[in-house]
C-alpha atoms as a PDB file:
ATOM      1  CA  UNK A   1       0.017  -0.019   0.087  1.00  0.00           C
ATOM      2  CA  UNK A   2       1.259   3.444  -0.878  1.00  0.00           C
ATOM      3  CA  UNK A   3       1.989   5.636   2.187  1.00  0.00           C
ATOM      4  CA  UNK A   4       0.885   9.077   1.202  1.00  0.00           C
ATOM      5  CA  UNK A   5      -0.822  12.111   2.667  1.00  0.00           C
ATOM      6  CA  UNK A   6      -4.671  11.819   2.731  1.00  0.00           C
ATOM      7  CA  UNK A   7      -4.458   8.395   4.349  1.00  0.00           C
ATOM      8  CA  UNK A   8      -5.035   7.537   7.996  1.00  0.00           C
ATOM      9  CA  UNK A   9      -3.052   5.165  10.236  1.00  0.00           C
ATOM     10  CA  UNK A  10      -4.184   3.921  13.640  1.00  0.00           C
ATOM     11  CA  UNK A  11      -1.461   2.754  16.080  1.00  0.00           C
ATOM     12  CA  UNK A  12      -2.024   1.101  19.407  1.00  0.00           C
ATOM     13  CA  UNK A  13       0.571   1.174  22.117  1.00  0.00           C
ATOM     14  CA  UNK A  14       1.494   4.505  20.420  1.00  0.00           C
ATOM     15  CA  UNK A  15       2.791   6.499  23.511  1.00  0.00           C
ATOM     16  CA  UNK A  16       6.216   4.888  23.510  1.00  0.00           C
ATOM     17  CA  UNK A  17       8.535   2.371  21.999  1.00  0.00           C
ATOM     18  CA  UNK A  18       7.753   0.819  18.625  1.00  0.00           C
ATOM     19  CA  UNK A  19       4.267   2.282  18.677  1.00  0.00           C
ATOM     20  CA  UNK A  20       5.418   5.807  18.906  1.00  0.00           C
ATOM     21  CA  UNK A  21       8.164   5.136  16.306  1.00  0.00           C
ATOM     22  CA  UNK A  22       5.389   3.844  13.900  1.00  0.00           C
ATOM     23  CA  UNK A  23       3.247   6.869  14.445  1.00  0.00           C
ATOM     24  CA  UNK A  24       6.239   9.123  13.787  1.00  0.00           C
ATOM     25  CA  UNK A  25       7.316   7.267  10.668  1.00  0.00           C
ATOM     26  CA  UNK A  26       3.855   7.344   9.209  1.00  0.00           C
ATOM     27  CA  UNK A  27       3.303  10.957  10.099  1.00  0.00           C
ATOM     28  CA  UNK A  28       6.536  11.889   8.308  1.00  0.00           C
ATOM     29  CA  UNK A  29       5.092  10.150   5.257  1.00  0.00           C
ATOM     30  CA  UNK A  30       2.105  12.490   5.460  1.00  0.00           C
ATOM     31  CA  UNK A  31      -0.482  10.151   7.016  1.00  0.00           C
ATOM     32  CA  UNK A  32      -2.975  11.431   9.564  1.00  0.00           C
ATOM     33  CA  UNK A  33      -2.349   9.525  12.808  1.00  0.00           C
ATOM     34  CA  UNK A  34      -4.736   8.135  15.519  1.00  0.00           C
ATOM     35  CA  UNK A  35      -2.669   7.274  18.509  1.00  0.00           C
ATOM     36  CA  UNK A  36      -4.161   4.755  21.109  1.00  0.00           C
ATOM     37  CA  UNK A  37      -2.608   3.792  24.346  1.00  0.00           C
ATOM     38  CA  UNK A  38      -3.680   3.046  27.936  1.00  0.00           C
ATOM     39  CA  UNK A  39      -1.298   5.600  29.599  1.00  0.00           C
ATOM     40  CA  UNK A  40      -3.076   8.964  29.283  1.00  0.00           C
ATOM     41  CA  UNK A  41      -0.184  11.206  30.266  1.00  0.00           C
ATOM     42  CA  UNK A  42       2.236   9.562  27.931  1.00  0.00           C
ATOM     43  CA  UNK A  43      -0.473   9.489  25.206  1.00  0.00           C
ATOM     44  CA  UNK A  44      -0.911  13.256  25.601  1.00  0.00           C
ATOM     45  CA  UNK A  45       2.774  13.863  25.236  1.00  0.00           C
ATOM     46  CA  UNK A  46       3.101  11.583  22.240  1.00  0.00           C
ATOM     47  CA  UNK A  47       0.175  13.182  20.313  1.00  0.00           C
ATOM     48  CA  UNK A  48       1.755  16.651  20.908  1.00  0.00           C
ATOM     49  CA  UNK A  49       4.962  15.424  19.302  1.00  0.00           C
ATOM     50  CA  UNK A  50       3.312  13.843  16.365  1.00  0.00           C
ATOM     51  CA  UNK A  51       1.049  16.839  15.707  1.00  0.00           C
ATOM     52  CA  UNK A  52       4.211  18.972  15.553  1.00  0.00           C
ATOM     53  CA  UNK A  53       5.144  17.126  12.372  1.00  0.00           C
ATOM     54  CA  UNK A  54       2.287  18.906  10.662  1.00  0.00           C
ATOM     55  CA  UNK A  55      -0.306  16.167  10.274  1.00  0.00           C
ATOM     56  CA  UNK A  56      -3.748  15.860  11.802  1.00  0.00           C
ATOM     57  CA  UNK A  57      -3.911  13.737  14.845  1.00  0.00           C
ATOM     58  CA  UNK A  58      -6.372  12.090  17.303  1.00  0.00           C
ATOM     59  CA  UNK A  59      -5.523  10.613  20.707  1.00  0.00           C
ATOM     60  CA  UNK A  60      -7.832   7.953  22.150  1.00  0.00           C
ATOM     61  CA  UNK A  61      -7.093   6.288  25.557  1.00  0.00           C
ATOM     62  CA  UNK A  62      -7.743   2.657  24.856  1.00  0.00           C
ATOM     63  CA  UNK A  63      -7.467  -0.633  26.687  1.00  0.00           C
ATOM     64  CA  UNK A  64      -7.023  -3.001  23.779  1.00  0.00           C
ATOM     65  CA  UNK A  65      -8.011  -5.907  25.933  1.00  0.00           C
ATOM     66  CA  UNK A  66     -11.548  -4.465  26.057  1.00  0.00           C
ATOM     67  CA  UNK A  67     -13.560  -5.151  22.895  1.00  0.00           C
ATOM     68  CA  UNK A  68     -15.883  -2.166  23.359  1.00  0.00           C
ATOM     69  CA  UNK A  69     -12.886   0.134  23.870  1.00  0.00           C
ATOM     70  CA  UNK A  70     -11.401  -0.928  20.451  1.00  0.00           C
ATOM     71  CA  UNK A  71     -14.685  -0.673  18.833  1.00  0.00           C
ATOM     72  CA  UNK A  72     -15.009   2.843  20.252  1.00  0.00           C
ATOM     73  CA  UNK A  73     -11.437   3.583  18.943  1.00  0.00           C
ATOM     74  CA  UNK A  74     -12.520   2.513  15.395  1.00  0.00           C
ATOM     75  CA  UNK A  75     -15.699   4.579  15.538  1.00  0.00           C
ATOM     76  CA  UNK A  76     -13.748   7.641  16.687  1.00  0.00           C
ATOM     77  CA  UNK A  77     -11.128   7.280  13.961  1.00  0.00           C
ATOM     78  CA  UNK A  78     -13.869   6.986  11.287  1.00  0.00           C
ATOM     79  CA  UNK A  79     -15.840   9.808  12.616  1.00  0.00           C
ATOM     80  CA  UNK A  80     -12.668  12.107  12.666  1.00  0.00           C
ATOM     81  CA  UNK A  81     -11.074  11.041   9.376  1.00  0.00           C
ATOM     82  CA  UNK A  82     -13.775   9.193   7.326  1.00  0.00           C
ATOM     83  CA  UNK A  83     -11.518   6.202   6.657  1.00  0.00           C
ATOM     84  CA  UNK A  84      -8.682   4.141   8.175  1.00  0.00           C
ATOM     85  CA  UNK A  85      -6.068   2.772   5.705  1.00  0.00           C
ATOM     86  CA  UNK A  86      -3.511   1.324   8.053  1.00  0.00           C
ATOM     87  CA  UNK A  87      -3.890  -0.314  11.477  1.00  0.00           C
ATOM     88  CA  UNK A  88      -0.972  -1.275  13.584  1.00  0.00           C
ATOM     89  CA  UNK A  89      -2.020  -3.597  16.344  1.00  0.00           C
ATOM     90  CA  UNK A  90       1.065  -2.977  18.421  1.00  0.00           C
ATOM     91  CA  UNK A  91       0.222  -2.821  22.093  1.00  0.00           C
ATOM     92  CA  UNK A  92       2.024  -5.404  24.068  1.00  0.00           C
ATOM     93  CA  UNK A  93       3.036  -6.324  27.691  1.00  0.00           C
ATOM     94  CA  UNK A  94       5.113  -8.996  29.385  1.00  0.00           C
ATOM     95  CA  UNK A  95       5.059 -10.595  32.834  1.00  0.00           C
ATOM     96  CA  UNK A  96       7.816 -12.108  34.851  1.00  0.00           C
ATOM     97  CA  UNK A  97       5.277 -14.005  37.085  1.00  0.00           C
ATOM     98  CA  UNK A  98       5.570 -17.765  37.407  1.00  0.00           C
ATOM     99  CA  UNK A  99       3.397 -19.159  34.641  1.00  0.00           C
ATOM    100  CA  UNK A 100       2.661 -22.447  36.319  1.00  0.00           C
ATOM    101  CA  UNK A 101       2.715 -21.823  40.031  1.00  0.00           C
ATOM    102  CA  UNK A 102       1.732 -18.113  40.134  1.00  0.00           C
ATOM    103  CA  UNK A 103      -1.743 -16.595  39.776  1.00  0.00           C
ATOM    104  CA  UNK A 104      -3.665 -16.963  36.531  1.00  0.00           C
ATOM    105  CA  UNK A 105      -4.119 -13.184  36.502  1.00  0.00           C
ATOM    106  CA  UNK A 106      -0.714 -12.811  34.773  1.00  0.00           C
ATOM    107  CA  UNK A 107      -1.899 -15.024  31.941  1.00  0.00           C
ATOM    108  CA  UNK A 108      -5.144 -12.952  31.697  1.00  0.00           C
ATOM    109  CA  UNK A 109      -3.223  -9.845  31.423  1.00  0.00           C
ATOM    110  CA  UNK A 110      -0.656 -10.876  28.855  1.00  0.00           C
ATOM    111  CA  UNK A 111      -3.169 -12.732  26.698  1.00  0.00           C
ATOM    112  CA  UNK A 112      -5.655  -9.853  27.057  1.00  0.00           C
ATOM    113  CA  UNK A 113      -3.370  -7.233  25.619  1.00  0.00           C
ATOM    114  CA  UNK A 114      -1.065  -9.244  23.285  1.00  0.00           C
ATOM    115  CA  UNK A 115      -3.640 -11.623  21.868  1.00  0.00           C
ATOM    116  CA  UNK A 116      -7.135 -10.251  22.304  1.00  0.00           C
ATOM    117  CA  UNK A 117      -5.814  -6.773  21.506  1.00  0.00           C
ATOM    118  CA  UNK A 118      -4.939  -8.018  18.000  1.00  0.00           C
ATOM    119  CA  UNK A 119      -8.160  -9.887  17.623  1.00  0.00           C
ATOM    120  CA  UNK A 120     -10.256  -6.907  18.670  1.00  0.00           C
ATOM    121  CA  UNK A 121      -8.218  -4.677  16.452  1.00  0.00           C
ATOM    122  CA  UNK A 122      -8.831  -6.829  13.371  1.00  0.00           C
ATOM    123  CA  UNK A 123     -12.545  -7.221  14.064  1.00  0.00           C
ATOM    124  CA  UNK A 124     -13.064  -3.575  14.622  1.00  0.00           C
ATOM    125  CA  UNK A 125     -11.244  -2.256  11.622  1.00  0.00           C
ATOM    126  CA  UNK A 126     -11.582  -4.972   8.958  1.00  0.00           C
ATOM    127  CA  UNK A 127     -15.281  -4.010   8.157  1.00  0.00           C
ATOM    128  CA  UNK A 128     -14.052  -0.419   7.822  1.00  0.00           C
ATOM    129  CA  UNK A 129     -11.355  -1.399   5.296  1.00  0.00           C
ATOM    130  CA  UNK A 130     -13.616  -3.695   3.377  1.00  0.00           C
ATOM    131  CA  UNK A 131     -16.170  -0.871   3.038  1.00  0.00           C
ATOM    132  CA  UNK A 132     -13.666   1.516   1.596  1.00  0.00           C
ATOM    133  CA  UNK A 133     -11.923  -1.113  -0.563  1.00  0.00           C
ATOM    134  CA  UNK A 134      -8.421  -0.699   0.739  1.00  0.00           C
ATOM    135  CA  UNK A 135      -6.418  -1.325   3.968  1.00  0.00           C
ATOM    136  CA  UNK A 136      -3.483  -2.936   5.618  1.00  0.00           C
ATOM    137  CA  UNK A 137      -2.883  -4.502   9.026  1.00  0.00           C
ATOM    138  CA  UNK A 138       0.410  -4.617  10.877  1.00  0.00           C
ATOM    139  CA  UNK A 139       0.360  -6.972  13.824  1.00  0.00           C
ATOM    140  CA  UNK A 140       3.271  -6.755  16.245  1.00  0.00           C
ATOM    141  CA  UNK A 141       4.296 -10.259  17.277  1.00  0.00           C
ATOM    142  CA  UNK A 142       7.880 -11.048  18.248  1.00  0.00           C
ATOM    143  CA  UNK A 143      10.649 -13.370  17.390  1.00  0.00           C
ATOM    144  CA  UNK A 144       9.189 -15.154  20.459  1.00  0.00           C
ATOM    145  CA  UNK A 145       6.261 -15.893  18.119  1.00  0.00           C
ATOM    146  CA  UNK A 146       8.566 -18.201  16.146  1.00  0.00           C
ATOM    147  CA  UNK A 147      11.118 -19.138  18.788  1.00  0.00           C
ATOM    148  CA  UNK A 148       9.863 -19.578  22.371  1.00  0.00           C
ATOM    149  CA  UNK A 149      12.083 -18.793  25.301  1.00  0.00           C
ATOM    150  CA  UNK A 150      11.059 -15.454  26.810  1.00  0.00           C
ATOM    151  CA  UNK A 151       8.148 -16.574  29.127  1.00  0.00           C
ATOM    152  CA  UNK A 152       5.395 -18.979  28.552  1.00  0.00           C
ATOM    153  CA  UNK A 153       2.563 -16.411  28.423  1.00  0.00           C
ATOM    154  CA  UNK A 154       4.409 -13.985  26.237  1.00  0.00           C
ATOM    155  CA  UNK A 155       5.543 -16.816  23.882  1.00  0.00           C
ATOM    156  CA  UNK A 156       1.978 -18.205  23.655  1.00  0.00           C
ATOM    157  CA  UNK A 157       0.511 -14.728  22.904  1.00  0.00           C
ATOM    158  CA  UNK A 158       3.048 -14.096  20.232  1.00  0.00           C
ATOM    159  CA  UNK A 159       2.809 -17.367  18.642  1.00  0.00           C
ATOM    160  CA  UNK A 160      -0.956 -16.779  18.412  1.00  0.00           C
ATOM    161  CA  UNK A 161      -0.428 -13.403  16.764  1.00  0.00           C
ATOM    162  CA  UNK A 162       1.772 -15.020  14.059  1.00  0.00           C
ATOM    163  CA  UNK A 163      -0.903 -17.629  13.504  1.00  0.00           C
ATOM    164  CA  UNK A 164      -3.729 -15.106  13.401  1.00  0.00           C
ATOM    165  CA  UNK A 165      -1.823 -12.894  11.031  1.00  0.00           C
ATOM    166  CA  UNK A 166      -1.069 -15.656   8.645  1.00  0.00           C
ATOM    167  CA  UNK A 167      -4.762 -16.826   8.801  1.00  0.00           C
ATOM    168  CA  UNK A 168      -5.936 -13.342   7.952  1.00  0.00           C
ATOM    169  CA  UNK A 169      -3.450 -12.885   5.142  1.00  0.00           C
ATOM    170  CA  UNK A 170      -4.583 -16.210   3.609  1.00  0.00           C
ATOM    171  CA  UNK A 171      -8.287 -15.317   3.898  1.00  0.00           C
ATOM    172  CA  UNK A 172      -7.732 -11.988   2.212  1.00  0.00           C
ATOM    173  CA  UNK A 173      -5.700 -13.494  -0.532  1.00  0.00           C
ATOM    174  CA  UNK A 174      -8.074 -16.501  -1.150  1.00  0.00           C
ATOM    175  CA  UNK A 175     -11.140 -14.120  -1.324  1.00  0.00           C
ATOM    176  CA  UNK A 176      -9.260 -11.629  -3.588  1.00  0.00           C
ATOM    177  CA  UNK A 177      -9.792  -8.790  -1.157  1.00  0.00           C
ATOM    178  CA  UNK A 178      -7.593  -5.683  -1.212  1.00  0.00           C
ATOM    179  CA  UNK A 179      -6.422  -5.933   2.353  1.00  0.00           C
ATOM    180  CA  UNK A 180      -2.757  -6.313   3.207  1.00  0.00           C
ATOM    181  CA  UNK A 181      -1.293  -8.044   6.264  1.00  0.00           C
ATOM    182  CA  UNK A 182       2.163  -7.824   7.771  1.00  0.00           C
ATOM    183  CA  UNK A 183       3.396  -9.476  10.951  1.00  0.00           C
ATOM    184  CA  UNK A 184       6.228  -7.893  12.850  1.00  0.00           C
ATOM    185  CA  UNK A 185       8.566 -10.266  14.554  1.00  0.00           C
ATOM    186  CA  UNK A 186      11.375  -8.208  16.112  1.00  0.00           C
ATOM    187  CA  UNK A 187      14.212  -9.471  18.293  1.00  0.00           C
ATOM    188  CA  UNK A 188      15.559  -7.244  21.014  1.00  0.00           C
ATOM    189  CA  UNK A 189      14.491  -3.619  20.569  1.00  0.00           C
ATOM    190  CA  UNK A 190      15.419  -0.744  22.779  1.00  0.00           C
ATOM    191  CA  UNK A 191      11.968  -0.140  24.497  1.00  0.00           C
ATOM    192  CA  UNK A 192      10.468  -0.129  27.951  1.00  0.00           C
ATOM    193  CA  UNK A 193       8.725  -3.531  27.550  1.00  0.00           C
ATOM    194  CA  UNK A 194      10.452  -4.749  30.812  1.00  0.00           C
ATOM    195  CA  UNK A 195       8.590  -2.152  32.707  1.00  0.00           C
ATOM    196  CA  UNK A 196       5.136  -3.050  31.390  1.00  0.00           C
ATOM    197  CA  UNK A 197       3.938  -3.903  34.838  1.00  0.00           C
ATOM    198  CA  UNK A 198       3.509  -0.142  35.397  1.00  0.00           C
ATOM    199  CA  UNK A 199       0.148  -0.640  33.627  1.00  0.00           C
ATOM    200  CA  UNK A 200      -0.966  -3.617  35.707  1.00  0.00           C
ATOM    201  CA  UNK A 201      -4.763  -3.402  35.734  1.00  0.00           C
ATOM    202  CA  UNK A 202      -6.284  -2.935  39.190  1.00  0.00           C
ATOM    203  CA  UNK A 203      -9.239  -5.265  38.358  1.00  0.00           C
ATOM    204  CA  UNK A 204      -6.881  -8.196  38.241  1.00  0.00           C
ATOM    205  CA  UNK A 205      -5.935  -7.847  41.890  1.00  0.00           C
ATOM    206  CA  UNK A 206      -2.446  -7.632  43.331  1.00  0.00           C
ATOM    207  CA  UNK A 207       0.423  -7.733  40.936  1.00  0.00           C
ATOM    208  CA  UNK A 208       2.143 -11.238  41.034  1.00  0.00           C
ATOM    209  CA  UNK A 209       5.561 -11.785  42.419  1.00  0.00           C
ATOM    210  CA  UNK A 210       8.411 -12.683  39.967  1.00  0.00           C
ATOM    211  CA  UNK A 211       9.089 -16.271  39.120  1.00  0.00           C
ATOM    212  CA  UNK A 212      12.026 -17.990  40.774  1.00  0.00           C
ATOM    213  CA  UNK A 213      15.201 -17.079  38.956  1.00  0.00           C
ATOM    214  CA  UNK A 214      13.705 -14.148  37.188  1.00  0.00           C
ATOM    215  CA  UNK A 215      15.953 -11.710  39.105  1.00  0.00           C
ATOM    216  CA  UNK A 216      18.938 -13.465  37.613  1.00  0.00           C
ATOM    217  CA  UNK A 217      17.769 -13.410  33.952  1.00  0.00           C
ATOM    218  CA  UNK A 218      16.292  -9.939  34.070  1.00  0.00           C
ATOM    219  CA  UNK A 219      19.550  -7.912  34.168  1.00  0.00           C
ATOM    220  CA  UNK A 220      20.889  -9.920  31.027  1.00  0.00           C
ATOM    221  CA  UNK A 221      17.578  -9.217  29.251  1.00  0.00           C
ATOM    222  CA  UNK A 222      17.676  -5.481  30.059  1.00  0.00           C
ATOM    223  CA  UNK A 223      21.311  -5.279  28.935  1.00  0.00           C
ATOM    224  CA  UNK A 224      20.358  -6.937  25.583  1.00  0.00           C
ATOM    225  CA  UNK A 225      17.404  -4.501  25.251  1.00  0.00           C
ATOM    226  CA  UNK A 226      19.575  -1.505  26.078  1.00  0.00           C
ATOM    227  CA  UNK A 227      22.062  -2.455  23.414  1.00  0.00           C
ATOM    228  CA  UNK A 228      19.444  -3.372  20.773  1.00  0.00           C
ATOM    229  CA  UNK A 229      18.323  -1.435  17.717  1.00  0.00           C
ATOM    230  CA  UNK A 230      16.205   1.549  18.118  1.00  0.00           C
ATOM    231  CA  UNK A 231      12.365   1.561  17.492  1.00  0.00           C
ATOM    232  CA  UNK A 232      12.824   4.122  14.669  1.00  0.00           C
ATOM    233  CA  UNK A 233      14.789   1.511  12.751  1.00  0.00           C
ATOM    234  CA  UNK A 234      12.013  -1.086  13.272  1.00  0.00           C
ATOM    235  CA  UNK A 235       9.485   1.471  12.073  1.00  0.00           C
ATOM    236  CA  UNK A 236      11.483   1.824   8.944  1.00  0.00           C
ATOM    237  CA  UNK A 237      11.337  -1.970   8.284  1.00  0.00           C
ATOM    238  CA  UNK A 238       7.550  -1.846   8.873  1.00  0.00           C
ATOM    239  CA  UNK A 239       7.116   0.925   6.436  1.00  0.00           C
ATOM    240  CA  UNK A 240       9.054  -0.725   3.755  1.00  0.00           C
ATOM    241  CA  UNK A 241       7.065  -3.943   4.300  1.00  0.00           C
ATOM    242  CA  UNK A 242       3.670  -2.054   4.028  1.00  0.00           C
ATOM    243  CA  UNK A 243       4.736  -0.170   0.894  1.00  0.00           C
ATOM    244  CA  UNK A 244       5.877  -3.511  -0.750  1.00  0.00           C
ATOM    245  CA  UNK A 245       3.012  -5.589   0.552  1.00  0.00           C
ATOM    246  CA  UNK A 246       5.388  -7.958   2.421  1.00  0.00           C
ATOM    247  CA  UNK A 247       4.027 -10.257   5.107  1.00  0.00           C
ATOM    248  CA  UNK A 248       7.072 -10.992   7.229  1.00  0.00           C
ATOM    249  CA  UNK A 249       8.902  -8.191   9.002  1.00  0.00           C
ATOM    250  CA  UNK A 250      12.229  -9.152  10.700  1.00  0.00           C
ATOM    251  CA  UNK A 251      14.810  -6.971  12.389  1.00  0.00           C
ATOM    252  CA  UNK A 252      18.003  -8.944  11.772  1.00  0.00           C
ATOM    253  CA  UNK A 253      19.241 -12.124  10.064  1.00  0.00           C
ATOM    254  CA  UNK A 254      20.634 -13.538  13.258  1.00  0.00           C
ATOM    255  CA  UNK A 255      17.039 -13.983  14.555  1.00  0.00           C
ATOM    256  CA  UNK A 256      15.935 -15.608  11.386  1.00  0.00           C
ATOM    257  CA  UNK A 257      18.923 -17.981  11.610  1.00  0.00           C
ATOM    258  CA  UNK A 258      17.695 -18.866  15.208  1.00  0.00           C
ATOM    259  CA  UNK A 259      14.277 -19.739  13.914  1.00  0.00           C
ATOM    260  CA  UNK A 260      15.577 -21.727  11.025  1.00  0.00           C
ATOM    261  CA  UNK A 261      17.834 -23.721  13.461  1.00  0.00           C
ATOM    262  CA  UNK A 262      14.794 -24.521  15.517  1.00  0.00           C
ATOM    263  CA  UNK A 263      12.694 -25.504  12.595  1.00  0.00           C
ATOM    264  CA  UNK A 264      15.452 -27.769  11.241  1.00  0.00           C
ATOM    265  CA  UNK A 265      15.466 -29.542  14.689  1.00  0.00           C
ATOM    266  CA  UNK A 266      11.666 -29.968  14.440  1.00  0.00           C
ATOM    267  CA  UNK A 267      11.948 -31.325  10.881  1.00  0.00           C
ATOM    268  CA  UNK A 268      14.474 -33.867  12.256  1.00  0.00           C
ATOM    269  CA  UNK A 269      12.206 -34.818  15.189  1.00  0.00           C
ATOM    270  CA  UNK A 270      14.634 -33.480  17.777  1.00  0.00           C
ATOM    271  CA  UNK A 271      13.516 -32.410  21.220  1.00  0.00           C
ATOM    272  CA  UNK A 272      13.641 -28.697  22.111  1.00  0.00           C
ATOM    273  CA  UNK A 273      17.372 -27.765  22.436  1.00  0.00           C
ATOM    274  CA  UNK A 274      18.654 -25.969  25.586  1.00  0.00           C
ATOM    275  CA  UNK A 275      22.151 -25.205  24.362  1.00  0.00           C
ATOM    276  CA  UNK A 276      21.121 -22.542  21.847  1.00  0.00           C
ATOM    277  CA  UNK A 277      22.952 -19.194  21.914  1.00  0.00           C
ATOM    278  CA  UNK A 278      20.396 -16.477  21.785  1.00  0.00           C
ATOM    279  CA  UNK A 279      21.683 -13.145  20.356  1.00  0.00           C
ATOM    280  CA  UNK A 280      22.578 -10.715  23.159  1.00  0.00           C
ATOM    281  CA  UNK A 281      22.233 -13.288  25.954  1.00  0.00           C
ATOM    282  CA  UNK A 282      24.799 -15.290  27.927  1.00  0.00           C
ATOM    283  CA  UNK A 283      25.139 -18.986  27.016  1.00  0.00           C
ATOM    284  CA  UNK A 284      22.232 -21.069  28.272  1.00  0.00           C
ATOM    285  CA  UNK A 285      24.526 -23.109  30.369  1.00  0.00           C
ATOM    286  CA  UNK A 286      25.704 -19.957  32.255  1.00  0.00           C
ATOM    287  CA  UNK A 287      22.069 -19.092  33.044  1.00  0.00           C
ATOM    288  CA  UNK A 288      21.332 -22.611  34.179  1.00  0.00           C
ATOM    289  CA  UNK A 289      24.313 -22.563  36.490  1.00  0.00           C
ATOM    290  CA  UNK A 290      23.246 -19.183  37.996  1.00  0.00           C
ATOM    291  CA  UNK A 291      19.745 -20.416  38.718  1.00  0.00           C
ATOM    292  CA  UNK A 292      21.116 -23.763  40.206  1.00  0.00           C
ATOM    293  CA  UNK A 293      23.452 -21.834  42.400  1.00  0.00           C
ATOM    294  CA  UNK A 294      20.640 -19.524  43.603  1.00  0.00           C
ATOM    295  CA  UNK A 295      18.495 -22.581  44.488  1.00  0.00           C
ATOM    296  CA  UNK A 296      21.408 -24.137  46.332  1.00  0.00           C
ATOM    297  CA  UNK A 297      21.936 -21.023  48.335  1.00  0.00           C
ATOM    298  CA  UNK A 298      18.203 -20.931  49.237  1.00  0.00           C
ATOM    299  CA  UNK A 299      18.358 -24.655  50.275  1.00  0.00           C
ATOM    300  CA  UNK A 300      21.674 -24.186  52.099  1.00  0.00           C
ATOM    301  CA  UNK A 301      23.383 -26.826  50.060  1.00  0.00           C
ATOM    302  CA  UNK A 302      25.783 -27.352  47.171  1.00  0.00           C
ATOM    303  CA  UNK A 303      24.979 -26.454  43.587  1.00  0.00           C
ATOM    304  CA  UNK A 304      23.435 -29.312  41.709  1.00  0.00           C
ATOM    305  CA  UNK A 305      25.274 -30.693  38.642  1.00  0.00           C
ATOM    306  CA  UNK A 306      22.015 -31.919  37.144  1.00  0.00           C
ATOM    307  CA  UNK A 307      21.106 -30.122  33.806  1.00  0.00           C
ATOM    308  CA  UNK A 308      18.433 -27.398  34.255  1.00  0.00           C
ATOM    309  CA  UNK A 309      16.649 -25.103  31.797  1.00  0.00           C
ATOM    310  CA  UNK A 310      17.077 -21.334  32.126  1.00  0.00           C
ATOM    311  CA  UNK A 311      14.102 -19.315  33.058  1.00  0.00           C
ATOM    312  CA  UNK A 312      14.483 -17.443  29.759  1.00  0.00           C
ATOM    313  CA  UNK A 313      16.396 -17.899  26.541  1.00  0.00           C
ATOM    314  CA  UNK A 314      15.779 -14.396  25.240  1.00  0.00           C
END
C-alpha cells in the first residue's frame, strides 16, 4: 500500500517504543495519525509530538483488551477522518510471574493485551477497510512468536499473533480482497517492555511476584534490550514492508537464523534444544548454573550438577 498524505493510520501502544516510532514514521510520510494507548499522560505527550510534524492527529485512550474500547477507537477514527487505511495492532506487555505456580491473573493480562488486543483490532477495523476497498494491518508479534524462550505467556501470545496474522493474510488472498497483512517479529528492541507492569490493571488484583530465577535473568535481558536497535529502525522496516505488501517483517538475520535452526530440529524430530545461543544473551549453560546456584543457596546446600533449563532464553 502506498503511504501518502490523505491516508490515516491507527497505532495502538502508540505512546512509547515501537508504537510511537510507527506513528512518527507514518506521520513523516504525510499520513494522519490516530494514537491509542492506555497511559493517558504519555499519550498526551506523544500526540503533541506527532502533531508538531504537521499532520492531523487524534488521541484515544484505549485498553485493547476491552472489545468495546477498541470498537470505540474505530468509531472515533472513522468519525474524525472518514476512513482508516493502516492499522498497527502494536500494544504489548510481558510478565515475569511464574506461569505455572503463580496466579492466573498474569496469563489473563498478557493474553488480554497481546492476543485479544490484536483480535479486537482486526475485528473492529476490517469492516471499515472492506467498506472503503483498501487497507493494511500490521500486527506486532515477536521473534518469540517463532522461537519460544522469553516466558510461557508471552511466547504463547506471540505465537498466536503470528498464526492469526497468517490466517488473515490467507483469507484476504483467497477471497481476492484488497487488504494487506504484515506481521512484525522483532528481536531485541530498545523499548520499556520490561517495565510493562506499570500498567498492571487494578481489576486483576495484586500484581504477581516474579518467578524463581527471574531476578537473575532480568539483568541480562535488560542489557540486551539497552544495546538493541532503536524503535525508529524497526518502524522503517515496517514502512518498507507495508509499501511492498510484504507479510514477514524481521529486524535482523541472526534472529531468522535462530528460527531456522529451531525448525530444522523440528523437521528432524529433535527435542527442544537448551544449548542454543540467543543473540545478546549469555550462554544457556551459564544461566542454568546461575539459577542452580541460587537454588542451592536458598536450600543451604551445594549447587546441583544436574542439567536445568534457564528461566528465559531471550
